[in-house]
Structure formats: structure tokens, C-alpha cells
Amino acid sequence: MAFVITEPCIGEKAADCVDVCPVDCIEEGEDQFFIDPDVCIDCGACIVVCPVEAIVEDTELTPETEPFLEKAKEFYGSN
């Protein structure tokens, strides 16, 4: 998974990221958006437009944001 949407998205769900994604890999969950790692082409367009800076590369996750990777995996039903 290249990009992960983290806590600032919860409740915000501005959807700017959805609008710019060229491959429609961002889906709305109950409380936030999620990026499908199997569809994402790692273009980074979503990072630039996120008004709450919620999107990070998986290599930049901190112990506080790491649970959002697991949450995304659960959303997409992957391991």
C-alpha cells in the first residue's frame, strides 16, 4: 500500500482526493476515505489536494498513524 489516509480525514471527508484521482481508487467508508492499494498508481495527486493533510506514504507512518494502515486493510478485506 503506497498511501494511507489517516485521522484528520475522520469526520472531515472533504472528498477533494476523490475528485482528482485518475484511477478512482479512493472509496468512502463510514467515517473516512480509503485508498485501494490494488488500484492506486502512486501518482500522489491526492496528497497535494487534501485540505487536512491526512494522506501519507505508508513508509512515513508513525506509531500513532500505523493503525490506519490496518483499518484500510480491513476495509478492503486484505491481510
PDB file of N, CA and C in Angstrom:
ATOM      1  N   MET A   1       0.859  -1.176   0.000  1.00  0.00           N
ATOM      2  CA  MET A   1       0.000   0.000   0.000  1.00  0.00           C
ATOM      3  C   MET A   1       0.897   1.229   0.000  1.00  0.00           C
ATOM      4  N   ALA A   2       0.734   2.076  -0.958  1.00  0.00           N
ATOM      5  CA  ALA A   2       1.597   3.241  -1.084  1.00  0.00           C
ATOM      6  C   ALA A   2       1.137   4.422  -0.244  1.00  0.00           C
ATOM      7  N   PHE A   3      -0.149   4.690  -0.217  1.00  0.00           N
ATOM      8  CA  PHE A   3      -0.663   5.828   0.521  1.00  0.00           C
ATOM      9  C   PHE A   3      -1.735   5.384   1.506  1.00  0.00           C
ATOM     10  N   VAL A   4      -1.782   6.078   2.641  1.00  0.00           N
ATOM     11  CA  VAL A   4      -2.745   5.760   3.695  1.00  0.00           C
ATOM     12  C   VAL A   4      -3.427   7.051   4.125  1.00  0.00           C
ATOM     13  N   ILE A   5      -4.728   7.004   4.282  1.00  0.00           N
ATOM     14  CA  ILE A   5      -5.476   8.164   4.757  1.00  0.00           C
ATOM     15  C   ILE A   5      -5.620   8.020   6.272  1.00  0.00           C
ATOM     16  N   THR A   6      -5.229   9.060   6.991  1.00  0.00           N
ATOM     17  CA  THR A   6      -5.137   8.992   8.449  1.00  0.00           C
ATOM     18  C   THR A   6      -6.193   9.848   9.150  1.00  0.00           C
ATOM     19  N   GLU A   7      -6.023   9.996  10.459  1.00  0.00           N
ATOM     20  CA  GLU A   7      -7.008  10.600  11.357  1.00  0.00           C
ATOM     21  C   GLU A   7      -7.630  11.929  10.924  1.00  0.00           C
ATOM     22  N   PRO A   8      -6.875  12.869  10.358  1.00  0.00           N
ATOM     23  CA  PRO A   8      -7.515  14.151  10.012  1.00  0.00           C
ATOM     24  C   PRO A   8      -8.718  14.019   9.074  1.00  0.00           C
ATOM     25  N   CYS A   9      -8.807  12.895   8.363  1.00  0.00           N
ATOM     26  CA  CYS A   9      -9.940  12.681   7.456  1.00  0.00           C
ATOM     27  C   CYS A   9     -11.222  12.322   8.206  1.00  0.00           C
ATOM     28  N   ILE A  10     -11.075  11.722   9.376  1.00  0.00           N
ATOM     29  CA  ILE A  10     -12.254  11.272  10.112  1.00  0.00           C
ATOM     30  C   ILE A  10     -13.177  12.453  10.407  1.00  0.00           C
ATOM     31  N   GLY A  11     -14.394  12.316   9.956  1.00  0.00           N
ATOM     32  CA  GLY A  11     -15.380  13.374  10.162  1.00  0.00           C
ATOM     33  C   GLY A  11     -15.287  14.492   9.140  1.00  0.00           C
ATOM     34  N   GLU A  12     -14.125  14.702   8.551  1.00  0.00           N
ATOM     35  CA  GLU A  12     -13.926  15.770   7.569  1.00  0.00           C
ATOM     36  C   GLU A  12     -14.467  15.345   6.201  1.00  0.00           C
ATOM     37  N   LYS A  13     -13.906  14.282   5.686  1.00  0.00           N
ATOM     38  CA  LYS A  13     -14.295  13.709   4.401  1.00  0.00           C
ATOM     39  C   LYS A  13     -14.575  14.767   3.333  1.00  0.00           C
ATOM     40  N   ALA A  14     -13.594  15.595   3.054  1.00  0.00           N
ATOM     41  CA  ALA A  14     -13.754  16.683   2.093  1.00  0.00           C
ATOM     42  C   ALA A  14     -13.918  16.191   0.657  1.00  0.00           C
ATOM     43  N   ALA A  15     -13.384  15.023   0.318  1.00  0.00           N
ATOM     44  CA  ALA A  15     -13.513  14.394  -1.000  1.00  0.00           C
ATOM     45  C   ALA A  15     -12.713  15.053  -2.109  1.00  0.00           C
ATOM     46  N   ASP A  16     -11.855  16.007  -1.792  1.00  0.00           N
ATOM     47  CA  ASP A  16     -11.004  16.596  -2.820  1.00  0.00           C
ATOM     48  C   ASP A  16     -10.148  15.505  -3.473  1.00  0.00           C
ATOM     49  N   CYS A  17      -9.700  14.550  -2.657  1.00  0.00           N
ATOM     50  CA  CYS A  17      -8.855  13.461  -3.148  1.00  0.00           C
ATOM     51  C   CYS A  17      -9.600  12.601  -4.168  1.00  0.00           C
ATOM     52  N   VAL A  18     -10.868  12.356  -3.920  1.00  0.00           N
ATOM     53  CA  VAL A  18     -11.678  11.541  -4.826  1.00  0.00           C
ATOM     54  C   VAL A  18     -11.786  12.221  -6.187  1.00  0.00           C
ATOM     55  N   ASP A  19     -11.972  13.524  -6.165  1.00  0.00           N
ATOM     56  CA  ASP A  19     -12.155  14.282  -7.398  1.00  0.00           C
ATOM     57  C   ASP A  19     -10.928  14.280  -8.302  1.00  0.00           C
ATOM     58  N   VAL A  20      -9.721  14.205  -7.732  1.00  0.00           N
ATOM     59  CA  VAL A  20      -8.511  14.283  -8.547  1.00  0.00           C
ATOM     60  C   VAL A  20      -7.906  12.927  -8.894  1.00  0.00           C
ATOM     61  N   CYS A  21      -8.373  11.870  -8.274  1.00  0.00           N
ATOM     62  CA  CYS A  21      -7.785  10.554  -8.504  1.00  0.00           C
ATOM     63  C   CYS A  21      -8.062  10.089  -9.936  1.00  0.00           C
ATOM     64  N   PRO A  22      -6.998   9.854 -10.723  1.00  0.00           N
ATOM     65  CA  PRO A  22      -7.201   9.460 -12.121  1.00  0.00           C
ATOM     66  C   PRO A  22      -7.669   8.018 -12.307  1.00  0.00           C
ATOM     67  N   VAL A  23      -7.570   7.195 -11.261  1.00  0.00           N
ATOM     68  CA  VAL A  23      -7.955   5.785 -11.393  1.00  0.00           C
ATOM     69  C   VAL A  23      -9.091   5.385 -10.446  1.00  0.00           C
ATOM     70  N   ASP A  24      -9.720   6.344  -9.822  1.00  0.00           N
ATOM     71  CA  ASP A  24     -10.850   6.091  -8.918  1.00  0.00           C
ATOM     72  C   ASP A  24     -10.539   5.024  -7.866  1.00  0.00           C
ATOM     73  N   CYS A  25      -9.416   5.186  -7.172  1.00  0.00           N
ATOM     74  CA  CYS A  25      -9.020   4.190  -6.172  1.00  0.00           C
ATOM     75  C   CYS A  25      -9.391   4.593  -4.750  1.00  0.00           C
ATOM     76  N   ILE A  26     -10.066   5.712  -4.578  1.00  0.00           N
ATOM     77  CA  ILE A  26     -10.419   6.187  -3.235  1.00  0.00           C
ATOM     78  C   ILE A  26     -11.912   5.990  -3.019  1.00  0.00           C
ATOM     79  N   GLU A  27     -12.218   5.284  -1.941  1.00  0.00           N
ATOM     80  CA  GLU A  27     -13.614   4.980  -1.630  1.00  0.00           C
ATOM     81  C   GLU A  27     -13.994   5.536  -0.263  1.00  0.00           C
ATOM     82  N   GLU A  28     -15.258   5.891  -0.140  1.00  0.00           N
ATOM     83  CA  GLU A  28     -15.760   6.440   1.112  1.00  0.00           C
ATOM     84  C   GLU A  28     -16.170   5.317   2.056  1.00  0.00           C
ATOM     85  N   GLY A  29     -15.619   5.366   3.267  1.00  0.00           N
ATOM     86  CA  GLY A  29     -16.020   4.449   4.321  1.00  0.00           C
ATOM     87  C   GLY A  29     -16.984   5.152   5.256  1.00  0.00           C
ATOM     88  N   GLU A  30     -17.285   4.510   6.353  1.00  0.00           N
ATOM     89  CA  GLU A  30     -18.258   5.066   7.293  1.00  0.00           C
ATOM     90  C   GLU A  30     -17.813   6.405   7.875  1.00  0.00           C
ATOM     91  N   ASP A  31     -16.533   6.502   8.251  1.00  0.00           N
ATOM     92  CA  ASP A  31     -16.067   7.730   8.893  1.00  0.00           C
ATOM     93  C   ASP A  31     -14.897   8.409   8.195  1.00  0.00           C
ATOM     94  N   GLN A  32     -14.397   7.799   7.122  1.00  0.00           N
ATOM     95  CA  GLN A  32     -13.276   8.387   6.391  1.00  0.00           C
ATOM     96  C   GLN A  32     -13.185   7.746   5.010  1.00  0.00           C
ATOM     97  N   PHE A  33     -12.263   8.271   4.180  1.00  0.00           N
ATOM     98  CA  PHE A  33     -11.996   7.683   2.875  1.00  0.00           C
ATOM     99  C   PHE A  33     -10.846   6.699   2.995  1.00  0.00           C
ATOM    100  N   PHE A  34     -10.780   5.769   2.035  1.00  0.00           N
ATOM    101  CA  PHE A  34      -9.718   4.775   1.988  1.00  0.00           C
ATOM    102  C   PHE A  34      -9.171   4.674   0.580  1.00  0.00           C
ATOM    103  N   ILE A  35      -7.865   4.368   0.466  1.00  0.00           N
ATOM    104  CA  ILE A  35      -7.212   4.202  -0.823  1.00  0.00           C
ATOM    105  C   ILE A  35      -7.017   2.707  -1.078  1.00  0.00           C
ATOM    106  N   ASP A  36      -7.500   2.252  -2.236  1.00  0.00           N
ATOM    107  CA  ASP A  36      -7.350   0.845  -2.610  1.00  0.00           C
ATOM    108  C   ASP A  36      -5.937   0.636  -3.157  1.00  0.00           C
ATOM    109  N   PRO A  37      -5.107  -0.132  -2.446  1.00  0.00           N
ATOM    110  CA  PRO A  37      -3.716  -0.313  -2.867  1.00  0.00           C
ATOM    111  C   PRO A  37      -3.579  -1.102  -4.165  1.00  0.00           C
ATOM    112  N   ASP A  38      -4.594  -1.888  -4.517  1.00  0.00           N
ATOM    113  CA  ASP A  38      -4.527  -2.677  -5.746  1.00  0.00           C
ATOM    114  C   ASP A  38      -4.856  -1.852  -6.987  1.00  0.00           C
ATOM    115  N   VAL A  39      -5.447  -0.692  -6.790  1.00  0.00           N
ATOM    116  CA  VAL A  39      -5.835   0.154  -7.915  1.00  0.00           C
ATOM    117  C   VAL A  39      -4.949   1.404  -8.010  1.00  0.00           C
ATOM    118  N   CYS A  40      -4.479   1.887  -6.883  1.00  0.00           N
ATOM    119  CA  CYS A  40      -3.657   3.111  -6.828  1.00  0.00           C
ATOM    120  C   CYS A  40      -2.419   2.985  -7.713  1.00  0.00           C
ATOM    121  N   ILE A  41      -2.137   4.058  -8.457  1.00  0.00           N
ATOM    122  CA  ILE A  41      -0.953   4.082  -9.325  1.00  0.00           C
ATOM    123  C   ILE A  41       0.164   4.941  -8.740  1.00  0.00           C
ATOM    124  N   ASP A  42       0.047   5.309  -7.476  1.00  0.00           N
ATOM    125  CA  ASP A  42       1.073   6.070  -6.758  1.00  0.00           C
ATOM    126  C   ASP A  42       1.401   7.415  -7.398  1.00  0.00           C
ATOM    127  N   CYS A  43       0.396   8.091  -7.941  1.00  0.00           N
ATOM    128  CA  CYS A  43       0.654   9.369  -8.608  1.00  0.00           C
ATOM    129  C   CYS A  43       0.826  10.525  -7.621  1.00  0.00           C
ATOM    130  N   GLY A  44       0.223  10.412  -6.431  1.00  0.00           N
ATOM    131  CA  GLY A  44       0.356  11.448  -5.420  1.00  0.00           C
ATOM    132  C   GLY A  44      -0.573  12.640  -5.576  1.00  0.00           C
ATOM    133  N   ALA A  45      -1.461  12.604  -6.550  1.00  0.00           N
ATOM    134  CA  ALA A  45      -2.374  13.733  -6.757  1.00  0.00           C
ATOM    135  C   ALA A  45      -3.238  13.983  -5.525  1.00  0.00           C
ATOM    136  N   CYS A  46      -3.592  12.922  -4.826  1.00  0.00           N
ATOM    137  CA  CYS A  46      -4.451  13.058  -3.645  1.00  0.00           C
ATOM    138  C   CYS A  46      -3.748  13.797  -2.509  1.00  0.00           C
ATOM    139  N   ILE A  47      -2.467  13.578  -2.377  1.00  0.00           N
ATOM    140  CA  ILE A  47      -1.703  14.220  -1.299  1.00  0.00           C
ATOM    141  C   ILE A  47      -1.736  15.739  -1.453  1.00  0.00           C
ATOM    142  N   VAL A  48      -1.550  16.186  -2.657  1.00  0.00           N
ATOM    143  CA  VAL A  48      -1.461  17.618  -2.944  1.00  0.00           C
ATOM    144  C   VAL A  48      -2.753  18.364  -2.626  1.00  0.00           C
ATOM    145  N   VAL A  49      -3.900  17.736  -2.865  1.00  0.00           N
ATOM    146  CA  VAL A  49      -5.173  18.438  -2.696  1.00  0.00           C
ATOM    147  C   VAL A  49      -5.861  18.222  -1.348  1.00  0.00           C
ATOM    148  N   CYS A  50      -5.360  17.317  -0.540  1.00  0.00           N
ATOM    149  CA  CYS A  50      -6.024  17.033   0.737  1.00  0.00           C
ATOM    150  C   CYS A  50      -5.977  18.271   1.636  1.00  0.00           C
ATOM    151  N   PRO A  51      -7.139  18.846   1.968  1.00  0.00           N
ATOM    152  CA  PRO A  51      -7.155  20.086   2.751  1.00  0.00           C
ATOM    153  C   PRO A  51      -6.773  19.901   4.223  1.00  0.00           C
ATOM    154  N   VAL A  52      -6.766  18.644   4.693  1.00  0.00           N
ATOM    155  CA  VAL A  52      -6.431  18.409   6.098  1.00  0.00           C
ATOM    156  C   VAL A  52      -5.135  17.616   6.262  1.00  0.00           C
ATOM    157  N   GLU A  53      -4.411  17.421   5.152  1.00  0.00           N
ATOM    158  CA  GLU A  53      -3.121  16.721   5.144  1.00  0.00           C
ATOM    159  C   GLU A  53      -3.211  15.351   5.817  1.00  0.00           C
ATOM    160  N   ALA A  54      -4.234  14.588   5.437  1.00  0.00           N
ATOM    161  CA  ALA A  54      -4.488  13.286   6.045  1.00  0.00           C
ATOM    162  C   ALA A  54      -3.791  12.132   5.319  1.00  0.00           C
ATOM    163  N   ILE A  55      -3.269  12.372   4.121  1.00  0.00           N
ATOM    164  CA  ILE A  55      -2.719  11.289   3.313  1.00  0.00           C
ATOM    165  C   ILE A  55      -1.198  11.259   3.429  1.00  0.00           C
ATOM    166  N   VAL A  56      -0.686  10.082   3.790  1.00  0.00           N
ATOM    167  CA  VAL A  56       0.761   9.902   3.938  1.00  0.00           C
ATOM    168  C   VAL A  56       1.189   8.618   3.242  1.00  0.00           C
ATOM    169  N   GLU A  57       2.471   8.563   2.896  1.00  0.00           N
ATOM    170  CA  GLU A  57       3.020   7.325   2.346  1.00  0.00           C
ATOM    171  C   GLU A  57       3.134   6.309   3.463  1.00  0.00           C
ATOM    172  N   ASP A  58       2.948   5.055   3.121  1.00  0.00           N
ATOM    173  CA  ASP A  58       2.999   4.027   4.157  1.00  0.00           C
ATOM    174  C   ASP A  58       4.359   3.953   4.831  1.00  0.00           C
ATOM    175  N   THR A  59       5.404   4.369   4.155  1.00  0.00           N
ATOM    176  CA  THR A  59       6.747   4.361   4.742  1.00  0.00           C
ATOM    177  C   THR A  59       6.938   5.483   5.756  1.00  0.00           C
ATOM    178  N   GLU A  60       6.003   6.443   5.784  1.00  0.00           N
ATOM    179  CA  GLU A  60       6.100   7.577   6.699  1.00  0.00           C
ATOM    180  C   GLU A  60       5.139   7.479   7.886  1.00  0.00           C
ATOM    181  N   LEU A  61       4.504   6.325   8.029  1.00  0.00           N
ATOM    182  CA  LEU A  61       3.579   6.143   9.155  1.00  0.00           C
ATOM    183  C   LEU A  61       4.338   6.144  10.469  1.00  0.00           C
ATOM    184  N   THR A  62       3.722   6.729  11.473  1.00  0.00           N
ATOM    185  CA  THR A  62       4.285   6.760  12.822  1.00  0.00           C
ATOM    186  C   THR A  62       3.523   5.732  13.659  1.00  0.00           C
ATOM    187  N   PRO A  63       3.986   5.449  14.865  1.00  0.00           N
ATOM    188  CA  PRO A  63       3.215   4.529  15.711  1.00  0.00           C
ATOM    189  C   PRO A  63       1.768   4.993  15.921  1.00  0.00           C
ATOM    190  N   GLU A  64       1.554   6.299  15.910  1.00  0.00           N
ATOM    191  CA  GLU A  64       0.206   6.839  16.100  1.00  0.00           C
ATOM    192  C   GLU A  64      -0.668   6.660  14.849  1.00  0.00           C
ATOM    193  N   THR A  65      -0.066   6.680  13.664  1.00  0.00           N
ATOM    194  CA  THR A  65      -0.844   6.582  12.431  1.00  0.00           C
ATOM    195  C   THR A  65      -0.855   5.174  11.832  1.00  0.00           C
ATOM    196  N   GLU A  66      -0.015   4.298  12.320  1.00  0.00           N
ATOM    197  CA  GLU A  66       0.041   2.930  11.802  1.00  0.00           C
ATOM    198  C   GLU A  66      -1.307   2.188  11.856  1.00  0.00           C
ATOM    199  N   PRO A  67      -2.129   2.397  12.885  1.00  0.00           N
ATOM    200  CA  PRO A  67      -3.435   1.707  12.897  1.00  0.00           C
ATOM    201  C   PRO A  67      -4.316   2.027  11.677  1.00  0.00           C
ATOM    202  N   PHE A  68      -4.068   3.148  11.009  1.00  0.00           N
ATOM    203  CA  PHE A  68      -4.867   3.494   9.836  1.00  0.00           C
ATOM    204  C   PHE A  68      -4.539   2.601   8.651  1.00  0.00           C
ATOM    205  N   LEU A  69      -3.333   2.052   8.610  1.00  0.00           N
ATOM    206  CA  LEU A  69      -2.984   1.071   7.591  1.00  0.00           C
ATOM    207  C   LEU A  69      -3.802  -0.202   7.814  1.00  0.00           C
ATOM    208  N   GLU A  70      -3.879  -0.634   9.043  1.00  0.00           N
ATOM    209  CA  GLU A  70      -4.674  -1.823   9.370  1.00  0.00           C
ATOM    210  C   GLU A  70      -6.157  -1.592   9.086  1.00  0.00           C
ATOM    211  N   LYS A  71      -6.622  -0.390   9.380  1.00  0.00           N
ATOM    212  CA  LYS A  71      -8.028  -0.043   9.129  1.00  0.00           C
ATOM    213  C   LYS A  71      -8.331  -0.114   7.626  1.00  0.00           C
ATOM    214  N   ALA A  72      -7.405   0.356   6.805  1.00  0.00           N
ATOM    215  CA  ALA A  72      -7.578   0.306   5.353  1.00  0.00           C
ATOM    216  C   ALA A  72      -7.569  -1.143   4.860  1.00  0.00           C
ATOM    217  N   LYS A  73      -6.683  -1.947   5.411  1.00  0.00           N
ATOM    218  CA  LYS A  73      -6.628  -3.363   5.029  1.00  0.00           C
ATOM    219  C   LYS A  73      -7.941  -4.050   5.365  1.00  0.00           C
ATOM    220  N   GLU A  74      -8.487  -3.744   6.525  1.00  0.00           N
ATOM    221  CA  GLU A  74      -9.777  -4.329   6.905  1.00  0.00           C
ATOM    222  C   GLU A  74     -10.897  -3.877   5.974  1.00  0.00           C
ATOM    223  N   PHE A  75     -10.866  -2.591   5.587  1.00  0.00           N
ATOM    224  CA  PHE A  75     -11.889  -2.055   4.695  1.00  0.00           C
ATOM    225  C   PHE A  75     -11.896  -2.811   3.354  1.00  0.00           C
ATOM    226  N   TYR A  76     -10.696  -3.098   2.847  1.00  0.00           N
ATOM    227  CA  TYR A  76     -10.581  -3.791   1.565  1.00  0.00           C
ATOM    228  C   TYR A  76     -10.492  -5.299   1.691  1.00  0.00           C
ATOM    229  N   GLY A  77     -10.536  -5.811   2.936  1.00  0.00           N
ATOM    230  CA  GLY A  77     -10.528  -7.245   3.148  1.00  0.00           C
ATOM    231  C   GLY A  77      -9.238  -7.937   2.787  1.00  0.00           C
ATOM    232  N   SER A  78      -8.112  -7.212   2.967  1.00  0.00           N
ATOM    233  CA  SER A  78      -6.811  -7.828   2.666  1.00  0.00           C
ATOM    234  C   SER A  78      -6.020  -8.022   3.946  1.00  0.00           C
ATOM    235  N   ASN A  79      -4.917  -8.730   3.828  1.00  0.00           N
ATOM    236  CA  ASN A  79      -4.074  -9.018   5.000  1.00  0.00           C
ATOM    237  C   ASN A  79      -2.996  -7.994   5.176  1.00  0.00           C
TER     238      ASN A  79
END
